């Protein structure tokens, strides 16, 4: 049971937290200070996709990153973005 819990935390929760804090919490929030919302969301989503380091997977991750970026922008919170991830 302990192994299962640690595996779930390591495989699901930690990457979601780390990626959302980085791409929506830091990158997107900084870009929003200087850019229009659409540009900040698209740029953070593109960086999110490229960070997955596989061209095919990046194509699939890009629309997800855009949607999560919109959620984070509209709610002004990382919690729904983390939940979506």
Protein backbone atom coordinates (compact mmCIF):
# COMPACT_ATOMS: atom_id res chain seq x y z
CA UNK A 1 0.00 0.00 0.00
CA UNK A 2 2.82 2.41 0.88
CA UNK A 3 4.59 1.64 -2.38
CA UNK A 4 1.38 2.32 -4.33
CA UNK A 5 0.84 5.66 -2.61
CA UNK A 6 4.46 6.72 -3.20
CA UNK A 7 4.22 5.65 -6.83
CA UNK A 8 1.04 7.68 -7.38
CA UNK A 9 2.64 10.70 -5.74
CA UNK A 10 5.81 10.33 -7.76
CA UNK A 11 4.23 9.64 -11.13
CA UNK A 12 1.10 11.76 -11.04
CA UNK A 13 1.10 14.43 -8.40
CA UNK A 14 4.69 15.67 -8.35
CA UNK A 15 5.03 16.28 -12.12
CA UNK A 16 1.66 18.03 -12.19
CA UNK A 17 2.65 20.31 -9.32
CA UNK A 18 6.09 21.04 -10.73
CA UNK A 19 4.88 21.71 -14.27
CA UNK A 20 1.99 23.90 -13.21
CA UNK A 21 4.09 25.93 -10.81
CA UNK A 22 6.69 26.44 -13.54
CA UNK A 23 4.60 26.99 -16.68
CA UNK A 24 1.44 28.61 -15.33
CA UNK A 25 2.65 29.90 -11.97
CA UNK A 26 5.93 31.42 -13.13
CA UNK A 27 6.16 31.68 -16.93
CA UNK A 28 2.57 32.58 -17.72
CA UNK A 29 2.21 34.98 -14.80
CA UNK A 30 5.40 36.82 -15.81
CA UNK A 31 4.37 37.01 -19.45
CA UNK A 32 0.95 38.38 -18.46
CA UNK A 33 2.68 41.43 -17.01
CA UNK A 34 3.96 42.50 -20.42
CA UNK A 35 1.94 40.62 -23.05
CA UNK A 36 -1.73 40.21 -23.89
CA UNK A 37 -3.37 37.20 -22.27
CA UNK A 38 -3.64 35.18 -25.49
CA UNK A 39 0.10 35.55 -26.19
CA UNK A 40 1.08 34.63 -22.63
CA UNK A 41 -1.16 31.55 -22.64
CA UNK A 42 0.05 30.38 -26.07
CA UNK A 43 3.71 30.92 -25.21
CA UNK A 44 3.52 29.11 -21.88
CA UNK A 45 1.58 26.27 -23.56
CA UNK A 46 4.21 26.02 -26.32
CA UNK A 47 7.01 25.87 -23.74
CA UNK A 48 5.02 23.27 -21.80
CA UNK A 49 4.70 21.16 -24.96
CA UNK A 50 8.37 21.49 -25.93
CA UNK A 51 9.42 20.54 -22.38
CA UNK A 52 7.95 17.08 -22.95
CA UNK A 53 10.84 16.57 -25.40
CA UNK A 54 9.07 14.30 -27.88
CA UNK A 55 7.78 15.94 -31.08
CA UNK A 56 4.74 13.66 -31.38
CA UNK A 57 3.81 13.97 -27.72
CA UNK A 58 4.36 17.74 -27.90
CA UNK A 59 1.68 18.00 -30.59
CA UNK A 60 -0.77 16.23 -28.31
CA UNK A 61 0.25 18.19 -25.23
CA UNK A 62 -0.01 21.64 -26.86
CA UNK A 63 -3.84 21.85 -26.88
CA UNK A 64 -3.91 20.55 -23.31
CA UNK A 65 -1.42 23.25 -22.30
CA UNK A 66 -3.54 25.92 -23.98
CA UNK A 67 -6.66 24.75 -22.16
CA UNK A 68 -4.90 24.56 -18.80
CA UNK A 69 -3.43 28.03 -19.43
CA UNK A 70 -6.89 29.42 -20.10
CA UNK A 71 -8.22 27.79 -16.93
CA UNK A 72 -5.37 29.27 -14.86
CA UNK A 73 -5.88 32.70 -16.43
CA UNK A 74 -9.66 32.77 -15.99
CA UNK A 75 -9.62 31.50 -12.41
CA UNK A 76 -6.47 33.40 -11.43
CA UNK A 77 -5.45 30.28 -9.50
CA UNK A 78 -3.16 27.31 -9.97
CA UNK A 79 -5.43 24.88 -8.13
CA UNK A 80 -7.84 24.30 -11.04
CA UNK A 81 -4.86 24.05 -13.40
CA UNK A 82 -3.25 21.41 -11.19
CA UNK A 83 -6.56 19.56 -11.08
CA UNK A 84 -6.84 19.65 -14.87
CA UNK A 85 -3.30 18.38 -15.27
